[in-house]
Amino acid sequence: NCHGMAGDREEVDEVDEMCVEGEVASERQDAVMAFEKPPALSGKAAGSDWEEGKTVLPGDRELISKLTAPFAEGGTPVLQVGVGLSQQDSHLVVHRAGTLRIIVKSATSKAGSNIRIWIEASGRRYYPCMQDIVIGVVTGKGGDDFRLNIRGPSVGILPALSFEGATKRSRPKLEIGSLVFCRVLHAYRDAEPELTCISLTHKKGWMTGSAMFGELQGGFMFEISIGYAHSLLHPDSHIISCLGRQMAFEIAVGTNGRVWVKAENVEKTVLAVNAIRNAEHLERGQAEAMVEALTKFSRNK
């Protein structure tokens, strides 16, 4: 099963990901959606008032020790603080209103639990965070770097050698306007974020066409709200599940509110794009009815 029939999606470095039903259309599709299997969402941490799905407001705070204590078995938990939160001494402090999201990857024999926590909001302004998965548009190139518009306060810098297997003689030649699926390697308060197309889990070279990150060729890219993008990355995203049962397509979702879709022809690509755009405020049953109506109309044309 995979999102949009693009293969089992794994989360990169414990980044939130998704997985839906469908057939594997190609190895490239698997690469686009191949993230580590999403860890289970945590419930309420013992002794803590914070829980997955809780609405929080600027100024709310919680002791880090209360959040991590339930997951300390097997080693010291690693806490990744995402957008909307900041660490002040021994507390996490909220600085934007929204919904609290917590993802926990269980401890292994080699490492403790990994906890990722962030605030999901419906705004359209994107603030880069380390390990975010984004879709960028090449706006400039010079020397050994590409400059990408990632919908943030400043452009992102993508070194030309930050592709799996790239060398000075063999590296991608991106043009202005090219779409690139990448992750945020470093995010700075007062400097441009650094991007990379090197995966922590998938080691297929960029020349194979099956690398997880890299240029997105063909298809169609559109923008949605940041909050909706995060919901599409959720394991039980109903609109992606519905589409995956009806047709084969590739999809890449960036936490910066950009979505790239590619199907076997233009008609099906447009169908998938319209379905995703229109489903933001629909319940599961409504989304299923809409997708069925669109696919029926498409077949009867």
Protein backbone atom coordinates (compact mmCIF):
# COMPACT_ATOMS: atom_id res chain seq x y z
CA ASN A 1 0.00 0.00 0.00
CA CYS A 2 1.19 3.50 -0.74
CA HIS A 3 0.05 7.08 -1.02
CA GLY A 4 -1.15 7.67 -4.55
CA MET A 5 0.22 4.26 -5.52
CA ALA A 6 3.71 5.50 -5.17
CA GLY A 7 5.19 2.90 -2.88
CA ASP A 8 5.54 2.54 0.87
CA ARG A 9 6.51 5.93 2.05
CA GLU A 10 9.10 6.20 4.72
CA GLU A 11 9.81 9.21 6.87
CA VAL A 12 13.24 10.79 6.44
CA ASP A 13 15.04 11.07 9.77
CA GLU A 14 11.79 10.57 11.63
CA VAL A 15 9.95 13.27 9.68
CA ASP A 16 6.18 12.88 9.57
CA GLU A 17 5.06 10.87 6.53
CA MET A 18 2.14 8.95 5.03
CA CYS A 19 1.14 5.65 3.46
CA VAL A 20 -1.94 4.76 1.41
CA GLU A 21 -3.46 2.03 -0.71
CA GLY A 22 -2.64 1.40 -4.33
CA GLU A 23 -0.35 -0.34 -6.75
CA VAL A 24 3.27 0.47 -7.33
CA ALA A 25 3.41 2.19 -10.69
CA SER A 26 7.19 2.43 -10.99
CA GLU A 27 10.44 2.47 -9.06
CA ARG A 28 10.59 6.23 -9.52
CA GLN A 29 7.18 6.57 -7.89
CA ASP A 30 8.45 4.56 -4.97
CA ALA A 31 11.39 6.94 -4.68
CA VAL A 32 9.20 10.03 -4.66
CA MET A 33 7.03 8.71 -1.85
CA ALA A 34 9.53 6.42 -0.13
CA PHE A 35 9.80 7.61 3.44
CA GLU A 36 10.31 5.53 6.55
CA LYS A 37 7.09 3.94 7.78
CA PRO A 38 5.34 6.53 9.93
CA PRO A 39 5.62 5.98 13.69
CA ALA A 40 2.49 5.97 15.76
CA LEU A 41 1.13 9.23 17.04
CA SER A 42 1.57 9.48 20.79
CA GLY A 43 -1.34 9.92 23.11
CA LYS A 44 -1.21 12.01 26.23
CA ALA A 45 2.16 11.83 27.94
CA ALA A 46 1.89 10.76 31.56
CA GLY A 47 2.00 13.77 33.85
CA SER A 48 1.76 16.22 30.94
CA ASP A 49 -1.20 18.31 29.80
CA TRP A 50 0.05 18.22 26.21
CA GLU A 51 -1.30 15.59 23.87
CA GLU A 52 -1.56 14.97 20.14
CA GLY A 53 -4.31 17.15 18.65
CA LYS A 54 -4.51 19.64 21.52
CA THR A 55 -5.17 23.26 20.57
CA VAL A 56 -2.44 25.52 21.95
CA LEU A 57 -1.93 29.28 22.12
CA PRO A 58 1.14 31.50 22.20
CA GLY A 59 2.67 31.49 25.68
CA ASP A 60 1.62 27.95 26.57
CA ARG A 61 4.56 26.03 28.06
CA GLU A 62 5.41 22.53 29.24
CA LEU A 63 8.36 20.87 30.96
CA ILE A 64 10.44 18.84 28.52
CA SER A 65 10.99 16.18 31.16
CA LYS A 66 7.22 15.59 31.40
CA LEU A 67 6.96 15.11 27.64
CA THR A 68 9.88 12.73 27.32
CA ALA A 69 9.50 10.71 30.55
CA PRO A 70 6.99 8.15 29.14
CA PHE A 71 9.40 7.32 26.31
CA ALA A 72 12.62 7.06 28.32
CA GLU A 73 12.65 3.27 28.37
CA GLY A 74 15.44 1.94 26.19
CA GLY A 75 17.57 5.06 26.30
CA THR A 76 17.45 8.83 26.47
CA PRO A 77 14.77 10.14 24.08
CA VAL A 78 15.77 12.55 21.32
CA LEU A 79 13.43 15.52 21.05
CA GLN A 80 13.10 17.34 17.72
CA VAL A 81 11.39 20.70 18.13
CA GLY A 82 9.61 21.89 15.01
CA VAL A 83 7.83 25.00 13.81
CA GLY A 84 5.75 26.99 16.28
CA LEU A 85 7.76 25.98 19.34
CA SER A 86 10.97 27.07 20.99
CA GLN A 87 13.02 25.70 23.84
CA GLN A 88 13.58 27.96 26.83
CA ASP A 89 15.70 26.35 29.53
CA SER A 90 13.79 23.22 30.60
CA HIS A 91 10.51 24.18 28.93
CA LEU A 92 8.95 24.13 25.47
CA VAL A 93 7.11 27.36 24.73
CA VAL A 94 4.43 27.89 22.07
CA HIS A 95 4.76 31.00 19.90
CA ARG A 96 2.01 30.42 17.31
CA ALA A 97 -1.59 29.29 17.69
CA GLY A 98 -2.51 25.93 16.22
CA THR A 99 -2.81 22.20 16.79
CA LEU A 100 -0.12 20.30 18.67
CA ARG A 101 1.37 17.41 16.69
CA ILE A 102 3.54 14.73 18.29
CA ILE A 103 5.13 11.78 16.51
CA VAL A 104 7.15 9.16 18.37
CA LYS A 105 9.42 6.52 16.90
CA SER A 106 9.97 3.74 19.42
CA ALA A 107 13.37 3.00 20.93
CA THR A 108 15.63 0.39 19.33
CA SER A 109 18.57 -1.59 20.65
CA LYS A 110 20.89 1.14 19.36
CA ALA A 111 19.00 4.32 20.22
CA GLY A 112 16.28 5.72 22.41
CA SER A 113 12.91 6.97 21.25
CA ASN A 114 12.77 9.83 18.79
CA ILE A 115 10.08 12.44 19.47
CA ARG A 116 9.11 15.09 16.95
CA ILE A 117 6.79 17.85 18.09
CA TRP A 118 5.48 20.90 16.21
CA ILE A 119 2.49 23.21 15.85
CA GLU A 120 0.25 22.73 12.84
CA ALA A 121 -1.44 25.91 11.66
CA SER A 122 -3.43 26.81 8.55
CA GLY A 123 -1.35 29.80 7.47
CA ARG A 124 0.36 30.09 4.10
CA ARG A 125 3.72 31.43 5.28
CA TYR A 126 6.39 28.76 5.63
CA TYR A 127 9.23 28.87 8.16
CA PRO A 128 12.01 26.33 7.46
CA CYS A 129 12.89 23.76 10.12
CA MET A 130 15.63 21.14 10.05
CA GLN A 131 14.61 17.87 8.34
CA ASP A 132 11.52 19.40 6.72
CA ILE A 133 10.70 17.89 3.33
CA VAL A 134 10.09 20.68 0.81
CA ILE A 135 9.52 21.32 -2.88
CA GLY A 136 11.64 24.17 -4.21
CA VAL A 137 11.72 26.08 -7.48
CA VAL A 138 15.15 26.92 -8.92
CA THR A 139 15.41 30.70 -9.22
CA GLY A 140 19.14 31.07 -9.72
CA LYS A 141 22.42 29.23 -10.06
CA GLY A 142 26.01 30.23 -9.75
CA GLY A 143 29.27 28.49 -9.00
CA ASP A 144 28.53 25.27 -7.14
CA ASP A 145 25.13 26.24 -5.72
CA PHE A 146 21.51 26.46 -6.79
CA ARG A 147 19.14 28.97 -5.22
CA LEU A 148 15.63 27.67 -4.58
CA ASN A 149 12.40 29.42 -3.74
CA ILE A 150 10.95 27.30 -0.92
CA ARG A 151 8.11 29.69 -0.06
CA GLY A 152 9.97 30.93 3.00
CA PRO A 153 11.35 34.28 4.18
CA SER A 154 14.51 33.71 2.09
CA VAL A 155 15.70 31.42 -0.68
CA GLY A 156 17.28 28.08 0.13
CA ILE A 157 20.81 27.12 -0.94
CA LEU A 158 21.25 23.72 -2.58
CA PRO A 159 24.91 22.76 -3.24
CA ALA A 160 25.37 21.11 -6.64
CA LEU A 161 27.07 18.13 -4.98
CA SER A 162 24.23 17.56 -2.48
CA PHE A 163 22.79 14.75 -4.60
CA GLU A 164 23.36 11.07 -3.96
CA GLY A 165 26.38 9.99 -6.02
CA ALA A 166 27.06 13.43 -7.48
CA THR A 167 30.63 14.41 -8.39
CA LYS A 168 32.18 17.45 -10.02
CA ARG A 169 32.06 15.64 -13.38
CA SER A 170 28.66 14.04 -12.89
CA ARG A 171 26.05 16.20 -11.24
CA PRO A 172 22.52 17.38 -12.05
CA LYS A 173 22.14 20.31 -14.42
CA LEU A 174 19.06 22.09 -13.12
CA GLU A 175 17.55 24.93 -15.11
CA ILE A 176 15.72 28.01 -13.89
CA GLY A 177 12.18 26.97 -13.05
CA SER A 178 13.03 23.33 -12.30
CA LEU A 179 11.18 21.71 -9.39
CA VAL A 180 13.31 19.99 -6.76
CA PHE A 181 12.15 17.63 -4.01
CA CYS A 182 14.60 18.04 -1.12
CA ARG A 183 14.96 18.35 2.63
CA VAL A 184 16.15 21.14 4.89
CA LEU A 185 19.60 20.24 6.19
CA HIS A 186 20.13 23.37 8.28
CA ALA A 187 17.78 26.22 9.14
CA TYR A 188 19.20 29.44 10.52
CA ARG A 189 17.54 32.44 12.12
CA ASP A 190 19.64 35.02 10.27
CA ALA A 191 20.90 33.16 7.20
CA GLU A 192 19.60 31.27 4.22
CA PRO A 193 18.58 27.66 4.90
CA GLU A 194 20.77 24.91 3.47
CA LEU A 195 19.05 22.18 1.44
CA THR A 196 20.12 18.72 0.39
CA CYS A 197 18.92 15.94 -1.93
CA ILE A 198 20.81 13.23 -0.04
CA SER A 199 18.55 10.81 1.80
CA LEU A 200 19.47 9.36 5.17
CA THR A 201 17.85 6.03 4.32
CA HIS A 202 17.85 5.59 0.50
CA LYS A 203 21.21 5.42 -1.25
CA LYS A 204 20.23 5.12 -4.93
CA GLY A 205 22.24 7.54 -7.05
CA TRP A 206 20.63 10.52 -8.73
CA MET A 207 21.50 9.17 -12.20
CA THR A 208 19.39 6.03 -11.68
CA GLY A 209 16.16 8.04 -11.74
CA SER A 210 15.10 6.19 -8.57
CA ALA A 211 16.65 8.45 -5.95
CA MET A 212 14.24 9.60 -3.31
CA PHE A 213 15.12 13.28 -3.68
CA GLY A 214 15.90 15.23 -6.80
CA GLU A 215 14.30 16.98 -9.74
CA LEU A 216 10.57 16.45 -10.27
CA GLN A 217 10.04 16.14 -14.00
CA GLY A 218 6.70 16.59 -15.71
CA GLY A 219 3.52 16.59 -13.66
CA PHE A 220 1.95 19.65 -12.08
CA MET A 221 2.83 21.59 -8.93
CA PHE A 222 0.34 23.67 -6.92
CA GLU A 223 0.23 25.37 -3.55
CA ILE A 224 -2.02 24.76 -0.54
CA SER A 225 -2.08 25.90 3.07
CA ILE A 226 0.71 24.68 5.37
CA GLY A 227 -1.74 22.95 7.67
CA TYR A 228 -3.40 21.07 4.81
CA ALA A 229 0.02 19.95 3.53
CA HIS A 230 0.77 18.41 6.93
CA SER A 231 -2.57 16.63 6.90
CA LEU A 232 -1.77 15.11 3.48
CA LEU A 233 1.41 13.71 5.04
CA HIS A 234 -0.62 12.01 7.74
CA PRO A 235 -0.84 8.19 7.50
CA ASP A 236 -4.64 8.23 7.28
CA SER A 237 -5.13 11.08 4.82
CA HIS A 238 -8.52 10.15 3.37
CA ILE A 239 -8.24 12.05 0.08
CA ILE A 240 -4.97 10.36 -0.90
CA SER A 241 -6.43 6.97 0.09
CA CYS A 242 -9.52 7.57 -2.05
CA LEU A 243 -7.49 8.63 -5.08
CA GLY A 244 -5.13 5.69 -4.63
CA ARG A 245 -8.01 3.26 -4.95
CA GLN A 246 -9.16 4.85 -8.22
CA MET A 247 -5.99 5.51 -10.19
CA ALA A 248 -2.21 5.25 -10.27
CA PHE A 249 -0.26 8.45 -9.78
CA GLU A 250 2.88 9.89 -8.25
CA ILE A 251 2.70 12.55 -5.57
CA ALA A 252 5.24 14.52 -3.57
CA VAL A 253 4.07 16.70 -0.68
CA GLY A 254 6.26 19.37 0.86
CA THR A 255 5.76 20.73 4.35
CA ASN A 256 6.14 24.16 2.73
CA GLY A 257 2.63 23.83 1.27
CA ARG A 258 3.56 22.63 -2.22
CA VAL A 259 2.21 19.49 -3.85
CA TRP A 260 3.45 17.85 -7.05
CA VAL A 261 1.26 15.33 -8.88
CA LYS A 262 1.89 13.24 -11.98
CA ALA A 263 -0.44 10.64 -13.52
CA GLU A 264 -0.32 8.64 -16.74
CA ASN A 265 -1.90 11.47 -18.73
CA VAL A 266 -2.87 15.12 -18.40
CA GLU A 267 -6.55 14.36 -17.78
CA LYS A 268 -5.85 12.15 -14.77
CA THR A 269 -3.27 14.59 -13.45
CA VAL A 270 -5.86 17.39 -13.53
CA LEU A 271 -8.40 15.11 -11.86
CA ALA A 272 -6.02 14.34 -8.99
CA VAL A 273 -5.06 18.00 -8.57
CA ASN A 274 -8.68 19.16 -8.44
CA ALA A 275 -9.63 16.40 -6.00
CA ILE A 276 -6.81 17.29 -3.61
CA ARG A 277 -7.50 21.02 -3.84
CA ASN A 278 -11.23 20.63 -3.17
CA ALA A 279 -10.91 18.14 -0.30
CA GLU A 280 -9.30 20.41 2.29
CA HIS A 281 -12.52 20.99 4.23
CA LEU A 282 -14.34 17.74 3.35
CA GLU A 283 -15.04 14.80 5.63
CA ARG A 284 -14.02 11.29 4.56
CA GLY A 285 -17.44 10.39 3.13
CA GLN A 286 -17.66 13.65 1.21
CA ALA A 287 -14.16 13.19 -0.20
CA GLU A 288 -14.94 9.65 -1.35
CA ALA A 289 -18.13 10.81 -3.06
CA MET A 290 -16.29 13.64 -4.79
CA VAL A 291 -13.49 11.36 -6.07
CA GLU A 292 -16.01 8.79 -7.33
CA ALA A 293 -17.98 11.51 -9.14
CA LEU A 294 -14.83 12.93 -10.75
CA THR A 295 -13.56 9.55 -11.91
CA LYS A 296 -17.00 8.56 -13.23
CA PHE A 297 -17.25 11.80 -15.17
CA SER A 298 -13.77 11.27 -16.57
CA ARG A 299 -14.58 7.75 -17.76
CA ASN A 300 -17.83 8.82 -19.42
CA LYS A 301 -16.27 11.63 -21.45
